[in-house]
Protein backbone atom coordinates (compact mmCIF):
# COMPACT_ATOMS: atom_id res chain seq x y z
CA MET A 1 -11.82 10.90 -50.92
CA PHE A 2 -8.19 12.43 -50.70
CA SER A 3 -9.33 14.81 -47.86
CA ALA A 4 -10.90 11.64 -45.76
CA ALA A 5 -7.58 9.72 -46.18
CA LEU A 6 -5.54 13.00 -45.09
CA LEU A 7 -7.94 13.40 -42.15
CA SER A 8 -7.46 9.72 -41.10
CA ILE A 9 -3.69 9.81 -41.29
CA ALA A 10 -3.72 13.02 -39.25
CA VAL A 11 -5.91 11.58 -36.42
CA VAL A 12 -3.73 8.41 -36.32
CA ALA A 13 -0.52 10.47 -36.30
CA MET A 14 -2.08 12.69 -33.50
CA GLY A 15 -3.23 9.68 -31.53
CA GLN A 16 0.16 8.05 -31.88
CA PHE A 17 1.73 11.33 -30.61
CA ALA A 18 -0.58 11.49 -27.72
CA LEU A 19 0.10 8.13 -26.71
CA TYR A 20 4.06 8.62 -26.96
CA TYR A 21 3.90 11.81 -24.83
CA TRP A 22 1.54 10.22 -22.10
CA ARG A 23 4.07 7.24 -21.97
CA ALA A 24 6.78 9.83 -21.54
CA VAL A 25 5.17 11.67 -18.72
CA PHE A 26 4.27 8.19 -17.18
CA THR A 27 7.79 6.76 -17.20
CA GLY A 28 9.09 10.15 -16.17
CA MET A 29 7.19 10.33 -13.10
CA ALA A 30 7.90 6.70 -12.12
CA SER A 31 11.53 7.64 -12.22
CA LEU A 32 11.31 10.20 -9.47
CA PRO A 33 12.71 9.16 -6.10
CA ILE A 34 10.44 7.66 -3.41
CA SER A 35 10.99 9.06 0.17
CA SER A 36 11.83 6.50 2.96
CA ARG A 37 8.53 7.61 4.91
CA VAL A 38 6.30 6.47 2.14
CA LEU A 39 8.05 3.11 1.72
CA GLU A 40 7.84 2.69 5.54
CA ALA A 41 4.23 3.48 5.47
CA ALA A 42 3.52 0.89 2.97
CA GLN A 43 6.11 -1.59 4.58
CA VAL A 44 7.96 -1.98 1.10
CA ARG A 45 11.50 -1.91 0.51
CA GLU A 46 12.48 -0.18 -2.68
CA GLU A 47 14.53 -3.01 -3.99
CA SER A 48 11.77 -5.27 -3.56
CA LEU A 49 8.97 -2.97 -5.13
CA CYS A 50 6.62 -4.98 -7.40
CA GLY A 51 3.47 -4.80 -9.18
CA ASN A 52 1.45 -6.22 -6.31
CA ASP A 53 2.27 -3.22 -4.21
CA PHE A 54 0.27 -0.84 -6.21
CA GLU A 55 -2.81 -1.67 -4.30
CA LYS A 56 -1.12 -0.86 -1.07
CA PHE A 57 0.06 2.46 -2.34
CA ALA A 58 -3.31 3.16 -3.92
CA SER A 59 -5.03 2.62 -0.52
CA LEU A 60 -2.38 4.72 1.23
CA LEU A 61 -3.16 7.49 -1.11
CA THR A 62 -6.91 7.59 -0.25
CA LEU A 63 -5.85 7.90 3.48
CA THR A 64 -3.52 10.69 2.75
CA PRO A 65 -5.46 14.13 3.18
CA GLU A 66 -5.21 16.57 0.45
CA LEU A 67 -4.94 20.12 1.75
CA LYS A 68 -4.37 21.93 -1.48
CA GLU A 69 -7.09 21.38 -4.43
CA THR A 70 -5.09 19.65 -7.25
CA LYS A 71 -6.22 17.80 -10.45
CA GLY A 72 -3.73 14.79 -9.86
CA GLY A 73 -5.05 11.47 -9.01
CA LEU A 74 -4.76 7.83 -9.88
CA GLY A 75 -7.58 7.42 -12.31
CA MET A 76 -5.49 7.05 -15.41
CA VAL A 77 -2.74 4.95 -13.74
CA ARG A 78 -5.71 2.71 -12.30
CA ALA A 79 -7.07 2.01 -15.69
CA TYR A 80 -3.77 1.35 -17.21
CA TYR A 81 -2.92 -0.99 -14.17
CA ALA A 82 -6.19 -2.90 -14.57
CA ALA A 83 -5.69 -3.09 -18.43
CA VAL A 84 -2.05 -4.54 -17.94
CA HIS A 85 -3.20 -6.92 -15.21
CA ARG A 86 -5.88 -8.33 -17.40
CA ALA A 87 -3.39 -8.61 -20.36
CA GLN A 88 -1.01 -10.48 -18.14
CA SER A 89 -3.67 -12.82 -16.88
CA VAL A 90 -4.83 -13.64 -20.39
CA PHE A 91 -1.55 -13.84 -22.37
CA ALA A 92 1.03 -14.78 -19.72
CA LYS A 93 0.22 -18.31 -20.09
CA PHE A 94 1.40 -18.20 -23.81
CA SER A 95 4.31 -15.73 -23.67
CA PRO A 96 6.76 -15.33 -20.80
CA MET A 97 8.02 -12.23 -22.30
CA MET A 98 4.47 -10.73 -22.23
CA ALA A 99 4.41 -11.82 -18.38
CA GLY A 100 7.77 -10.03 -17.78
CA TRP A 101 6.63 -6.90 -19.67
CA ALA A 102 3.27 -6.76 -17.69
CA GLU A 103 5.09 -7.08 -14.49
CA LYS A 104 7.61 -4.32 -15.42
CA GLU A 105 4.40 -2.15 -16.14
CA ARG A 106 2.65 -2.87 -12.92
CA THR A 107 5.82 -1.92 -10.94
CA LEU A 108 5.89 1.34 -12.78
CA CYS A 109 2.22 1.72 -11.76
CA ALA A 110 3.26 1.19 -8.06
CA ARG A 111 6.13 3.50 -8.49
CA ILE A 112 3.82 6.37 -9.63
CA ALA A 113 1.23 5.79 -6.73
CA ALA A 114 4.16 6.14 -4.32
CA VAL A 115 5.30 9.21 -6.03
CA HIS A 116 1.90 10.67 -5.94
CA ILE A 117 1.68 9.93 -1.92
CA ASP A 118 5.02 11.64 -1.72
CA ARG A 119 3.93 14.59 -3.57
CA ARG A 120 0.85 14.90 -1.65
CA LEU A 121 2.56 14.76 1.79
CA GLU A 122 5.20 17.31 0.66
CA ALA A 123 2.29 19.65 -0.50
CA ASN A 124 0.67 19.14 2.73
CA LEU A 125 3.97 20.07 4.62
CA VAL A 126 4.33 23.28 2.58
CA GLN A 127 0.78 24.12 3.22
CA ALA A 128 1.08 23.58 6.97
CA ALA A 129 4.40 25.70 7.12
CA SER A 130 2.78 28.59 5.24
CA ILE A 131 -0.12 28.43 7.67
CA ARG A 132 2.15 28.51 10.59
CA SER A 133 4.01 31.37 9.26
CA LEU A 134 1.04 33.54 9.05
């Protein structure tokens, strides 16, 4: 019985650590600067960036070619965005604080999508420059 309790505590602690780590990576990536060419392509100003812009950036990411094989994508960000959007639609009626939190999280998702586009474009430029130098 003691070992089962110890195992459950360890699993919960590991899950909590994974969640905090993922959140730190998520927030760190969202804090990276977004280039003006990405904002221009999406027809968005950085100071007016909001959660609704996520779909614009996600569709732009699918249009951006990927020359170098990478593991990065928007899979987890899309899932998080959808979960937060659902939570916002359900709980925003009851709590304005929840609506504000959800909008902030959706804006973070939009920033991450823009950073993904920027990174992909930068990687493509580096790849093209290395091909030209051969």
